[in-house]
Amino acid sequence: MDIKRKYIILLTLVILLSVVFFYTAHTIMKAESKEIKSIDRKIKTAQEKLNSAEVLSEELSAVSTVIKNSITDEKSFSTEEINDFSRKLADLSDKYKIAVYSVLPKPVYSTGHKIEHKYTLEIDCNYVQMGQFLTELESFDNIIKVNSIDVRPIGDDSQVEVDENGAPVAIETRYMVTLEISTFKVRKEA
């Protein structure tokens, strides 16, 4: 055999081995890629479940706190609890710069396992402040029910303020808001 023929056979063999090598490598990489994508999908699904579980855990923790704060052995709210809730209402009003005219706690005759205490709150605010107040009131760690909201405008609508150039200026409408709020506790059964 001549040398040229040996080189052609060798070259053909190298090309054939290269094609087989690259085809095998491609097949293996494709299978590995599918497996990696499958594992990535499983990880993504597990991460979503974990995130959902964390959110649910936080929500249940908040509910648990409300339940713990709402179960008692007593037959009525203590003076300390009444003063504490009144203080929370006042602090919340201060946070949103709402003028408080009065906070009147009044006991309610409770029967059975439900204990109720009412508060009448009179505040001077605008609608934005009232919305902020009610939104944050909802996040308190108590069972709270807003029994009534009475909103009345304060001042005379015919009054108009003017700036230094004599142009009319929009006056923020203020409201006298009377809220009747109830807090509840549940007596433990014997």
Protein backbone atom coordinates (compact mmCIF):
# COMPACT_ATOMS: atom_id res chain seq x y z
CA MET A 1 0.00 0.00 0.00
CA ASP A 2 1.27 3.26 -0.83
CA ILE A 3 1.67 6.01 1.69
CA LYS A 4 -0.97 8.26 0.12
CA ARG A 5 -3.61 5.58 0.53
CA LYS A 6 -2.63 5.05 4.21
CA TYR A 7 -3.04 8.79 4.87
CA ILE A 8 -6.47 8.82 3.21
CA ILE A 9 -7.59 5.82 5.30
CA LEU A 10 -6.17 7.45 8.43
CA LEU A 11 -7.82 10.77 7.58
CA THR A 12 -11.15 9.02 6.89
CA LEU A 13 -10.86 7.14 10.16
CA VAL A 14 -10.09 10.38 12.07
CA ILE A 15 -13.05 12.12 10.41
CA LEU A 16 -15.31 9.17 11.17
CA LEU A 17 -14.15 9.05 14.80
CA SER A 18 -14.61 12.83 15.06
CA VAL A 19 -18.16 12.59 13.72
CA VAL A 20 -18.95 9.73 16.13
CA PHE A 21 -17.34 11.68 19.03
CA PHE A 22 -19.23 14.90 18.31
CA TYR A 23 -22.52 13.07 17.74
CA THR A 24 -22.11 11.17 21.02
CA ALA A 25 -21.11 14.35 22.86
CA HIS A 26 -24.10 16.20 21.38
CA THR A 27 -26.48 13.39 22.39
CA ILE A 28 -25.09 13.28 25.93
CA MET A 29 -25.22 17.08 26.29
CA LYS A 30 -28.79 17.16 24.98
CA ALA A 31 -29.86 14.54 27.55
CA GLU A 32 -28.03 16.43 30.31
CA SER A 33 -29.64 19.70 29.20
CA LYS A 34 -33.11 18.12 29.41
CA GLU A 35 -32.32 16.80 32.88
CA ILE A 36 -31.03 20.22 34.00
CA LYS A 37 -34.18 21.92 32.67
CA SER A 38 -36.32 19.35 34.48
CA ILE A 39 -34.45 19.95 37.73
CA ASP A 40 -34.73 23.74 37.23
CA ARG A 41 -38.52 23.42 36.82
CA LYS A 42 -38.72 21.34 40.00
CA ILE A 43 -36.60 23.90 41.88
CA LYS A 44 -38.76 26.76 40.58
CA THR A 45 -41.95 24.94 41.64
CA ALA A 46 -40.49 24.16 45.06
CA GLN A 47 -39.37 27.81 45.49
CA GLU A 48 -42.88 29.04 44.61
CA LYS A 49 -44.38 26.64 47.14
CA LEU A 50 -41.88 27.82 49.75
CA ASN A 51 -42.71 31.48 49.06
CA SER A 52 -46.43 30.73 49.31
CA ALA A 53 -45.87 28.85 52.56
CA GLU A 54 -43.90 31.79 54.00
CA VAL A 55 -46.67 34.26 53.09
CA LEU A 56 -49.31 31.92 54.53
CA SER A 57 -47.22 31.48 57.67
CA GLU A 58 -47.01 35.26 58.16
CA GLU A 59 -50.76 35.63 57.65
CA LEU A 60 -51.53 32.79 60.03
CA SER A 61 -49.14 34.29 62.56
CA ALA A 62 -51.09 37.56 62.44
CA VAL A 63 -54.38 35.66 62.85
CA SER A 64 -52.86 33.66 65.70
CA THR A 65 -51.88 36.88 67.48
CA VAL A 66 -55.43 38.23 67.14
CA ILE A 67 -56.86 34.98 68.50
CA LYS A 68 -54.42 34.90 71.44
CA ASN A 69 -55.28 38.52 72.29
CA SER A 70 -58.99 37.77 72.08
CA ILE A 71 -59.29 34.80 74.42
CA THR A 72 -59.74 35.50 78.11
CA ASP A 73 -60.87 34.02 81.40
CA GLU A 74 -62.35 37.33 82.58
CA LYS A 75 -65.98 38.43 82.36
CA SER A 76 -65.15 41.92 81.08
CA PHE A 77 -62.32 44.03 79.72
CA SER A 78 -59.85 45.22 82.33
CA THR A 79 -59.26 48.93 82.90
CA GLU A 80 -55.72 48.44 81.61
CA GLU A 81 -56.98 46.91 78.35
CA ILE A 82 -59.49 49.73 77.87
CA ASN A 83 -56.87 52.41 78.50
CA ASP A 84 -54.36 50.62 76.27
CA PHE A 85 -56.81 50.48 73.35
CA SER A 86 -57.79 54.14 73.89
CA ARG A 87 -54.07 55.02 73.86
CA LYS A 88 -53.61 53.07 70.61
CA LEU A 89 -56.45 55.06 69.02
CA ALA A 90 -54.89 58.33 70.19
CA ASP A 91 -51.41 57.31 68.95
CA LEU A 92 -52.85 56.32 65.59
CA SER A 93 -54.58 59.71 65.36
CA ASP A 94 -51.32 61.47 66.20
CA LYS A 95 -49.49 59.47 63.53
CA TYR A 96 -51.79 60.87 60.82
CA LYS A 97 -52.09 64.35 62.42
CA ILE A 98 -55.79 63.88 63.17
CA ALA A 99 -57.35 66.07 65.84
CA VAL A 100 -59.13 63.95 68.47
CA TYR A 101 -62.06 65.61 70.21
CA SER A 102 -63.00 62.66 72.37
CA VAL A 103 -62.51 58.97 73.00
CA LEU A 104 -65.34 57.60 75.10
CA PRO A 105 -65.12 53.97 76.17
CA LYS A 106 -68.39 52.44 77.30
CA PRO A 107 -68.95 48.91 78.55
CA VAL A 108 -71.54 46.70 76.93
CA TYR A 109 -73.44 44.06 78.86
CA SER A 110 -72.03 40.82 77.50
CA THR A 111 -73.77 37.49 77.57
CA GLY A 112 -72.49 34.03 76.85
CA HIS A 113 -68.92 33.72 75.70
CA LYS A 114 -68.67 37.05 73.83
CA ILE A 115 -67.37 40.13 75.68
CA GLU A 116 -67.78 43.49 73.94
CA HIS A 117 -66.53 46.98 74.73
CA LYS A 118 -67.54 50.04 72.66
CA TYR A 119 -65.60 53.21 71.98
CA THR A 120 -66.99 56.39 70.51
CA LEU A 121 -64.28 58.42 68.82
CA GLU A 122 -64.76 61.95 67.50
CA ILE A 123 -62.03 63.19 65.17
CA ASP A 124 -61.39 66.12 62.83
CA CYS A 125 -59.76 64.98 59.57
CA ASN A 126 -59.93 64.91 55.79
CA TYR A 127 -60.92 61.86 53.72
CA VAL A 128 -57.31 60.77 53.12
CA GLN A 129 -56.53 60.84 56.84
CA MET A 130 -59.73 58.95 57.61
CA GLY A 131 -58.81 56.27 55.06
CA GLN A 132 -55.32 55.91 56.52
CA PHE A 133 -56.76 55.74 60.04
CA LEU A 134 -59.28 53.01 59.15
CA THR A 135 -56.70 51.01 57.18
CA GLU A 136 -54.28 50.92 60.08
CA LEU A 137 -57.10 50.30 62.58
CA GLU A 138 -57.77 47.12 60.62
CA SER A 139 -54.23 45.89 61.37
CA PHE A 140 -54.61 46.04 65.17
CA ASP A 141 -54.18 42.78 67.06
CA ASN A 142 -57.77 42.79 68.30
CA ILE A 143 -61.14 41.73 66.98
CA ILE A 144 -62.58 45.08 65.94
CA LYS A 145 -65.90 46.04 64.41
CA VAL A 146 -66.72 49.53 63.15
CA ASN A 147 -70.40 49.83 64.08
CA SER A 148 -71.00 53.25 62.54
CA ILE A 149 -69.26 56.13 60.83
CA ASP A 150 -70.88 59.56 60.82
CA VAL A 151 -69.10 62.10 58.58
CA ARG A 152 -70.10 65.78 58.66
CA PRO A 153 -68.25 68.65 56.92
CA ILE A 154 -66.78 71.31 59.17
CA GLY A 155 -66.92 74.97 58.23
CA ASP A 156 -68.77 77.09 55.72
CA ASP A 157 -68.43 76.11 52.03
CA SER A 158 -69.04 79.71 50.99
CA GLN A 159 -65.70 80.83 52.46
CA VAL A 160 -62.97 81.23 49.87
CA GLU A 161 -59.29 81.79 50.59
CA VAL A 162 -57.11 83.81 48.24
CA ASP A 163 -53.36 83.89 47.74
CA GLU A 164 -51.22 87.06 47.69
CA ASN A 165 -52.23 87.71 44.03
CA GLY A 166 -55.94 87.54 44.85
CA ALA A 167 -56.45 84.20 43.10
CA PRO A 168 -58.77 81.71 44.80
CA VAL A 169 -57.04 78.84 46.62
CA ALA A 170 -58.57 75.41 47.08
CA ILE A 171 -59.55 74.85 50.69
CA GLU A 172 -59.08 71.36 52.05
CA THR A 173 -62.45 70.18 53.32
CA ARG A 174 -62.31 68.99 56.90
CA TYR A 175 -64.83 66.61 58.43
CA MET A 176 -66.07 65.83 61.91
CA VAL A 177 -66.05 62.03 61.96
CA THR A 178 -67.76 60.09 64.72
CA LEU A 179 -66.75 56.43 64.81
CA GLU A 180 -68.41 53.84 67.00
CA ILE A 181 -65.98 50.95 67.37
CA SER A 182 -66.42 47.68 69.26
CA THR A 183 -63.67 45.39 70.43
CA PHE A 184 -64.41 41.81 71.33
CA LYS A 185 -63.00 39.02 73.44
CA VAL A 186 -64.15 35.45 73.82
CA ARG A 187 -64.34 33.79 77.23
CA LYS A 188 -62.79 30.38 77.47
CA GLU A 189 -65.21 27.57 78.07
CA ALA A 190 -64.84 25.75 81.37
